[in-house]
PDB file of all heavy atoms in Angstrom:
ATOM      1  N   PHE A   1      55.932 151.765 167.423  1.00  0.00           N
ATOM      2  CA  PHE A   1      57.159 151.121 166.889  1.00  0.00           C
ATOM      3  C   PHE A   1      58.102 152.220 166.285  1.00  0.00           C
ATOM      4  O   PHE A   1      59.350 152.071 166.381  1.00  0.00           O
ATOM      5  CB  PHE A   1      56.829 150.127 165.773  1.00  0.00           C
ATOM      6  CG  PHE A   1      56.437 148.807 166.381  1.00  0.00           C
ATOM      7  CD1 PHE A   1      55.162 148.297 166.262  1.00  0.00           C
ATOM      8  CD2 PHE A   1      57.379 148.003 167.082  1.00  0.00           C
ATOM      9  CE1 PHE A   1      54.748 147.075 166.753  1.00  0.00           C
ATOM     10  CE2 PHE A   1      56.978 146.809 167.616  1.00  0.00           C
ATOM     11  CZ  PHE A   1      55.672 146.323 167.499  1.00  0.00           C
ATOM     12  N   LEU A   2      57.523 153.283 165.735  1.00  0.00           N
ATOM     13  CA  LEU A   2      58.316 154.396 165.245  1.00  0.00           C
ATOM     14  C   LEU A   2      59.177 155.021 166.387  1.00  0.00           C
ATOM     15  O   LEU A   2      60.350 155.223 166.277  1.00  0.00           O
ATOM     16  CB  LEU A   2      57.438 155.419 164.552  1.00  0.00           C
ATOM     17  CG  LEU A   2      58.146 156.580 163.898  1.00  0.00           C
ATOM     18  CD1 LEU A   2      57.389 157.030 162.668  1.00  0.00           C
ATOM     19  CD2 LEU A   2      58.324 157.822 164.794  1.00  0.00           C
ATOM     20  N   PHE A   3      58.532 155.361 167.499  1.00  0.00           N
ATOM     21  CA  PHE A   3      59.174 156.023 168.578  1.00  0.00           C
ATOM     22  C   PHE A   3      60.038 154.980 169.338  1.00  0.00           C
ATOM     23  O   PHE A   3      61.126 155.380 169.827  1.00  0.00           O
ATOM     24  CB  PHE A   3      58.158 156.569 169.582  1.00  0.00           C
ATOM     25  CG  PHE A   3      57.521 157.876 169.054  1.00  0.00           C
ATOM     26  CD1 PHE A   3      56.154 157.935 168.666  1.00  0.00           C
ATOM     27  CD2 PHE A   3      58.301 159.053 168.816  1.00  0.00           C
ATOM     28  CE1 PHE A   3      55.628 159.074 168.237  1.00  0.00           C
ATOM     29  CE2 PHE A   3      57.721 160.181 168.327  1.00  0.00           C
ATOM     30  CZ  PHE A   3      56.357 160.194 168.060  1.00  0.00           C
ATOM     31  N   TYR A   4      59.685 153.753 169.351  1.00  0.00           N
ATOM     32  CA  TYR A   4      60.542 152.680 169.897  1.00  0.00           C
ATOM     33  C   TYR A   4      61.931 152.686 169.184  1.00  0.00           C
ATOM     34  O   TYR A   4      62.928 152.588 169.845  1.00  0.00           O
ATOM     35  CB  TYR A   4      59.856 151.286 169.756  1.00  0.00           C
ATOM     36  CG  TYR A   4      60.748 150.157 170.189  1.00  0.00           C
ATOM     37  CD1 TYR A   4      60.789 149.696 171.537  1.00  0.00           C
ATOM     38  CD2 TYR A   4      61.557 149.467 169.211  1.00  0.00           C
ATOM     39  CE1 TYR A   4      61.592 148.630 171.919  1.00  0.00           C
ATOM     40  CE2 TYR A   4      62.367 148.425 169.599  1.00  0.00           C
ATOM     41  CZ  TYR A   4      62.361 147.976 170.979  1.00  0.00           C
ATOM     42  OH  TYR A   4      63.173 146.962 171.331  1.00  0.00           O
ATOM     43  N   ASN A   5      61.843 152.836 167.910  1.00  0.00           N
ATOM     44  CA  ASN A   5      63.137 152.808 167.101  1.00  0.00           C
ATOM     45  C   ASN A   5      63.836 154.159 167.197  1.00  0.00           C
ATOM     46  O   ASN A   5      65.066 154.214 167.008  1.00  0.00           O
ATOM     47  CB  ASN A   5      62.857 152.472 165.674  1.00  0.00           C
ATOM     48  CG  ASN A   5      62.587 151.044 165.481  1.00  0.00           C
ATOM     49  OD1 ASN A   5      63.472 150.249 165.387  1.00  0.00           O
ATOM     50  ND2 ASN A   5      61.355 150.597 165.461  1.00  0.00           N
ATOM     51  N   LEU A   6      63.112 155.236 167.455  1.00  0.00           N
ATOM     52  CA  LEU A   6      63.772 156.537 167.604  1.00  0.00           C
ATOM     53  C   LEU A   6      64.489 156.683 168.975  1.00  0.00           C
ATOM     54  O   LEU A   6      65.522 157.278 169.070  1.00  0.00           O
ATOM     55  CB  LEU A   6      62.740 157.675 167.425  1.00  0.00           C
ATOM     56  CG  LEU A   6      62.305 158.035 166.009  1.00  0.00           C
ATOM     57  CD1 LEU A   6      61.232 159.105 166.024  1.00  0.00           C
ATOM     58  CD2 LEU A   6      63.457 158.429 165.139  1.00  0.00           C
ATOM     59  N   PHE A   7      63.855 156.155 170.018  1.00  0.00           N
ATOM     60  CA  PHE A   7      64.397 156.321 171.340  1.00  0.00           C
ATOM     61  C   PHE A   7      65.667 155.484 171.510  1.00  0.00           C
ATOM     62  O   PHE A   7      65.670 154.320 171.132  1.00  0.00           O
ATOM     63  CB  PHE A   7      63.436 155.911 172.425  1.00  0.00           C
ATOM     64  CG  PHE A   7      62.207 156.772 172.468  1.00  0.00           C
ATOM     65  CD1 PHE A   7      60.968 156.292 172.991  1.00  0.00           C
ATOM     66  CD2 PHE A   7      62.247 158.091 172.047  1.00  0.00           C
ATOM     67  CE1 PHE A   7      59.880 157.156 173.111  1.00  0.00           C
ATOM     68  CE2 PHE A   7      61.125 158.937 172.087  1.00  0.00           C
ATOM     69  CZ  PHE A   7      59.924 158.399 172.639  1.00  0.00           C
ATOM     70  N   GLU A   8      66.674 156.028 172.069  1.00  0.00           N
ATOM     71  CA  GLU A   8      67.897 155.335 172.291  1.00  0.00           C
ATOM     72  C   GLU A   8      67.975 154.744 173.686  1.00  0.00           C
ATOM     73  O   GLU A   8      68.700 153.746 173.904  1.00  0.00           O
ATOM     74  CB  GLU A   8      69.147 156.257 172.078  1.00  0.00           C
ATOM     75  CG  GLU A   8      69.246 156.768 170.638  1.00  0.00           C
ATOM     76  CD  GLU A   8      70.396 157.717 170.483  1.00  0.00           C
ATOM     77  OE1 GLU A   8      71.112 158.018 171.490  1.00  0.00           O
ATOM     78  OE2 GLU A   8      70.609 158.207 169.327  1.00  0.00           O
ATOM     79  N   ASN A   9      67.280 155.291 174.663  1.00  0.00           N
ATOM     80  CA  ASN A   9      67.260 154.837 175.970  1.00  0.00           C
ATOM     81  C   ASN A   9      66.434 153.537 176.062  1.00  0.00           C
ATOM     82  O   ASN A   9      65.289 153.472 175.677  1.00  0.00           O
ATOM     83  CB  ASN A   9      66.588 155.844 176.930  1.00  0.00           C
ATOM     84  CG  ASN A   9      66.625 155.471 178.375  1.00  0.00           C
ATOM     85  OD1 ASN A   9      65.950 154.578 178.815  1.00  0.00           O
ATOM     86  ND2 ASN A   9      67.457 156.296 179.113  1.00  0.00           N
ATOM     87  N   ARG A  10      67.075 152.475 176.648  1.00  0.00           N
ATOM     88  CA  ARG A  10      66.434 151.166 176.728  1.00  0.00           C
ATOM     89  C   ARG A  10      65.229 151.183 177.559  1.00  0.00           C
ATOM     90  O   ARG A  10      64.279 150.426 177.300  1.00  0.00           O
ATOM     91  CB  ARG A  10      67.507 150.139 177.244  1.00  0.00           C
ATOM     92  CG  ARG A  10      66.956 148.718 177.241  1.00  0.00           C
ATOM     93  CD  ARG A  10      68.090 147.739 177.479  1.00  0.00           C
ATOM     94  NE  ARG A  10      69.004 147.667 176.423  1.00  0.00           N
ATOM     95  CZ  ARG A  10      70.064 146.882 176.368  1.00  0.00           C
ATOM     96  NH1 ARG A  10      70.309 145.969 177.356  1.00  0.00           N
ATOM     97  NH2 ARG A  10      70.866 146.883 175.323  1.00  0.00           N
ATOM     98  N   ILE A  11      65.226 151.919 178.679  1.00  0.00           N
ATOM     99  CA  ILE A  11      64.096 151.938 179.580  1.00  0.00           C
ATOM    100  C   ILE A  11      62.882 152.594 178.757  1.00  0.00           C
ATOM    101  O   ILE A  11      61.757 152.023 178.919  1.00  0.00           O
ATOM    102  CB  ILE A  11      64.419 152.818 180.808  1.00  0.00           C
ATOM    103  CG1 ILE A  11      65.475 152.166 181.637  1.00  0.00           C
ATOM    104  CG2 ILE A  11      63.166 153.045 181.628  1.00  0.00           C
ATOM    105  CD1 ILE A  11      65.889 152.965 182.870  1.00  0.00           C
ATOM    106  N   LEU A  12      63.083 153.624 178.016  1.00  0.00           N
ATOM    107  CA  LEU A  12      62.020 154.188 177.202  1.00  0.00           C
ATOM    108  C   LEU A  12      61.480 153.236 176.261  1.00  0.00           C
ATOM    109  O   LEU A  12      60.254 153.103 175.985  1.00  0.00           O
ATOM    110  CB  LEU A  12      62.520 155.451 176.536  1.00  0.00           C
ATOM    111  CG  LEU A  12      62.676 156.761 177.360  1.00  0.00           C
ATOM    112  CD1 LEU A  12      63.253 157.894 176.498  1.00  0.00           C
ATOM    113  CD2 LEU A  12      61.324 157.131 177.922  1.00  0.00           C
ATOM    114  N   LYS A  13      62.352 152.426 175.643  1.00  0.00           N
ATOM    115  CA  LYS A  13      61.942 151.410 174.700  1.00  0.00           C
ATOM    116  C   LYS A  13      60.989 150.433 175.335  1.00  0.00           C
ATOM    117  O   LYS A  13      59.931 150.065 174.840  1.00  0.00           O
ATOM    118  CB  LYS A  13      63.114 150.725 174.086  1.00  0.00           C
ATOM    119  CG  LYS A  13      63.942 151.511 173.069  1.00  0.00           C
ATOM    120  CD  LYS A  13      65.126 150.684 172.643  1.00  0.00           C
ATOM    121  CE  LYS A  13      65.934 151.440 171.497  1.00  0.00           C
ATOM    122  NZ  LYS A  13      65.225 151.468 170.197  1.00  0.00           N
ATOM    123  N   HIS A  14      61.415 149.970 176.573  1.00  0.00           N
ATOM    124  CA  HIS A  14      60.521 149.022 177.289  1.00  0.00           C
ATOM    125  C   HIS A  14      59.200 149.620 177.654  1.00  0.00           C
ATOM    126  O   HIS A  14      58.175 148.928 177.632  1.00  0.00           O
ATOM    127  CB  HIS A  14      61.293 148.528 178.530  1.00  0.00           C
ATOM    128  CG  HIS A  14      62.431 147.596 178.246  1.00  0.00           C
ATOM    129  ND1 HIS A  14      63.490 147.389 179.139  1.00  0.00           N
ATOM    130  CD2 HIS A  14      62.771 146.915 177.108  1.00  0.00           C
ATOM    131  CE1 HIS A  14      64.377 146.579 178.598  1.00  0.00           C
ATOM    132  NE2 HIS A  14      63.925 146.282 177.345  1.00  0.00           N
ATOM    133  N   ILE A  15      59.222 150.925 178.072  1.00  0.00           N
ATOM    134  CA  ILE A  15      58.012 151.553 178.459  1.00  0.00           C
ATOM    135  C   ILE A  15      57.048 151.607 177.251  1.00  0.00           C
ATOM    136  O   ILE A  15      55.763 151.467 177.440  1.00  0.00           O
ATOM    137  CB  ILE A  15      58.267 153.009 178.948  1.00  0.00           C
ATOM    138  CG1 ILE A  15      58.949 152.900 180.312  1.00  0.00           C
ATOM    139  CG2 ILE A  15      57.004 153.774 179.058  1.00  0.00           C
ATOM    140  CD1 ILE A  15      59.453 154.253 180.879  1.00  0.00           C
ATOM    141  N   VAL A  16      57.479 151.914 176.052  1.00  0.00           N
ATOM    142  CA  VAL A  16      56.681 152.005 174.892  1.00  0.00           C
ATOM    143  C   VAL A  16      56.013 150.657 174.600  1.00  0.00           C
ATOM    144  O   VAL A  16      54.787 150.580 174.348  1.00  0.00           O
ATOM    145  CB  VAL A  16      57.558 152.404 173.629  1.00  0.00           C
ATOM    146  CG1 VAL A  16      56.719 152.163 172.368  1.00  0.00           C
ATOM    147  CG2 VAL A  16      58.020 153.832 173.766  1.00  0.00           C
ATOM    148  N   ILE A  17      56.745 149.521 174.782  1.00  0.00           N
ATOM    149  CA  ILE A  17      56.129 148.207 174.517  1.00  0.00           C
ATOM    150  C   ILE A  17      55.179 147.843 175.579  1.00  0.00           C
ATOM    151  O   ILE A  17      54.078 147.313 175.276  1.00  0.00           O
ATOM    152  CB  ILE A  17      57.259 147.154 174.448  1.00  0.00           C
ATOM    153  CG1 ILE A  17      58.188 147.420 173.284  1.00  0.00           C
ATOM    154  CG2 ILE A  17      56.618 145.738 174.373  1.00  0.00           C
ATOM    155  CD1 ILE A  17      57.513 147.397 171.905  1.00  0.00           C
ATOM    156  N   ILE A  18      55.458 148.151 176.836  1.00  0.00           N
ATOM    157  CA  ILE A  18      54.553 147.895 177.977  1.00  0.00           C
ATOM    158  C   ILE A  18      53.237 148.661 177.784  1.00  0.00           C
ATOM    159  O   ILE A  18      52.169 148.126 177.994  1.00  0.00           O
ATOM    160  CB  ILE A  18      55.254 148.191 179.287  1.00  0.00           C
ATOM    161  CG1 ILE A  18      56.384 147.180 179.606  1.00  0.00           C
ATOM    162  CG2 ILE A  18      54.273 148.195 180.431  1.00  0.00           C
ATOM    163  CD1 ILE A  18      57.249 147.569 180.769  1.00  0.00           C
ATOM    164  N   ASN A  19      53.440 149.933 177.383  1.00  0.00           N
ATOM    165  CA  ASN A  19      52.203 150.741 177.162  1.00  0.00           C
ATOM    166  C   ASN A  19      51.344 150.201 176.049  1.00  0.00           C
ATOM    167  O   ASN A  19      50.091 150.243 176.158  1.00  0.00           O
ATOM    168  CB  ASN A  19      52.621 152.168 176.855  1.00  0.00           C
ATOM    169  CG  ASN A  19      53.093 152.997 178.072  1.00  0.00           C
ATOM    170  OD1 ASN A  19      52.744 152.591 179.202  1.00  0.00           O
ATOM    171  ND2 ASN A  19      53.770 154.056 177.876  1.00  0.00           N
ATOM    172  N   LEU A  20      51.989 149.711 175.006  1.00  0.00           N
ATOM    173  CA  LEU A  20      51.219 149.265 173.841  1.00  0.00           C
ATOM    174  C   LEU A  20      50.365 147.984 174.277  1.00  0.00           C
ATOM    175  O   LEU A  20      49.213 147.919 174.016  1.00  0.00           O
ATOM    176  CB  LEU A  20      52.168 148.880 172.720  1.00  0.00           C
ATOM    177  CG  LEU A  20      51.593 148.262 171.431  1.00  0.00           C
ATOM    178  CD1 LEU A  20      50.573 149.197 170.825  1.00  0.00           C
ATOM    179  CD2 LEU A  20      52.674 147.840 170.463  1.00  0.00           C
ATOM    180  N   LEU A  21      51.148 147.017 174.859  1.00  0.00           N
ATOM    181  CA  LEU A  21      50.481 145.740 175.263  1.00  0.00           C
ATOM    182  C   LEU A  21      49.455 146.008 176.368  1.00  0.00           C
ATOM    183  O   LEU A  21      48.378 145.407 176.351  1.00  0.00           O
ATOM    184  CB  LEU A  21      51.541 144.738 175.724  1.00  0.00           C
ATOM    185  CG  LEU A  21      52.559 144.318 174.629  1.00  0.00           C
ATOM    186  CD1 LEU A  21      53.521 143.317 175.172  1.00  0.00           C
ATOM    187  CD2 LEU A  21      51.868 143.709 173.437  1.00  0.00           C
ATOM    188  N   GLY A  22      49.813 146.861 177.370  1.00  0.00           N
ATOM    189  CA  GLY A  22      48.932 147.158 178.493  1.00  0.00           C
ATOM    190  C   GLY A  22      47.642 147.786 178.076  1.00  0.00           C
ATOM    191  O   GLY A  22      46.558 147.485 178.488  1.00  0.00           O
ATOM    192  N   SER A  23      47.767 148.750 177.098  1.00  0.00           N
ATOM    193  CA  SER A  23      46.647 149.476 176.553  1.00  0.00           C
ATOM    194  C   SER A  23      45.697 148.532 175.864  1.00  0.00           C
ATOM    195  O   SER A  23      44.483 148.587 175.949  1.00  0.00           O
ATOM    196  CB  SER A  23      47.081 150.593 175.621  1.00  0.00           C
ATOM    197  OG  SER A  23      47.904 151.503 176.316  1.00  0.00           O
ATOM    198  N   TRP A  24      46.240 147.651 175.018  1.00  0.00           N
ATOM    199  CA  TRP A  24      45.403 146.736 174.257  1.00  0.00           C
ATOM    200  C   TRP A  24      44.735 145.696 175.160  1.00  0.00           C
ATOM    201  O   TRP A  24      43.611 145.275 174.913  1.00  0.00           O
ATOM    202  CB  TRP A  24      46.285 145.997 173.202  1.00  0.00           C
ATOM    203  CG  TRP A  24      46.484 146.844 171.977  1.00  0.00           C
ATOM    204  CD1 TRP A  24      45.922 148.079 171.695  1.00  0.00           C
ATOM    205  CD2 TRP A  24      47.231 146.508 170.753  1.00  0.00           C
ATOM    206  NE1 TRP A  24      46.288 148.591 170.475  1.00  0.00           N
ATOM    207  CE2 TRP A  24      47.072 147.638 169.900  1.00  0.00           C
ATOM    208  CE3 TRP A  24      47.955 145.448 170.392  1.00  0.00           C
ATOM    209  CZ2 TRP A  24      47.679 147.649 168.638  1.00  0.00           C
ATOM    210  CZ3 TRP A  24      48.537 145.440 169.149  1.00  0.00           C
ATOM    211  CH2 TRP A  24      48.445 146.528 168.278  1.00  0.00           C
TER     212      TRP A  24
END
């Protein structure tokens, strides 16, 4: 969530969330 809020690129934001949910 920290890096999600730091990243300005929307694609990167989506990748962070997908990685989090996919990993879990």
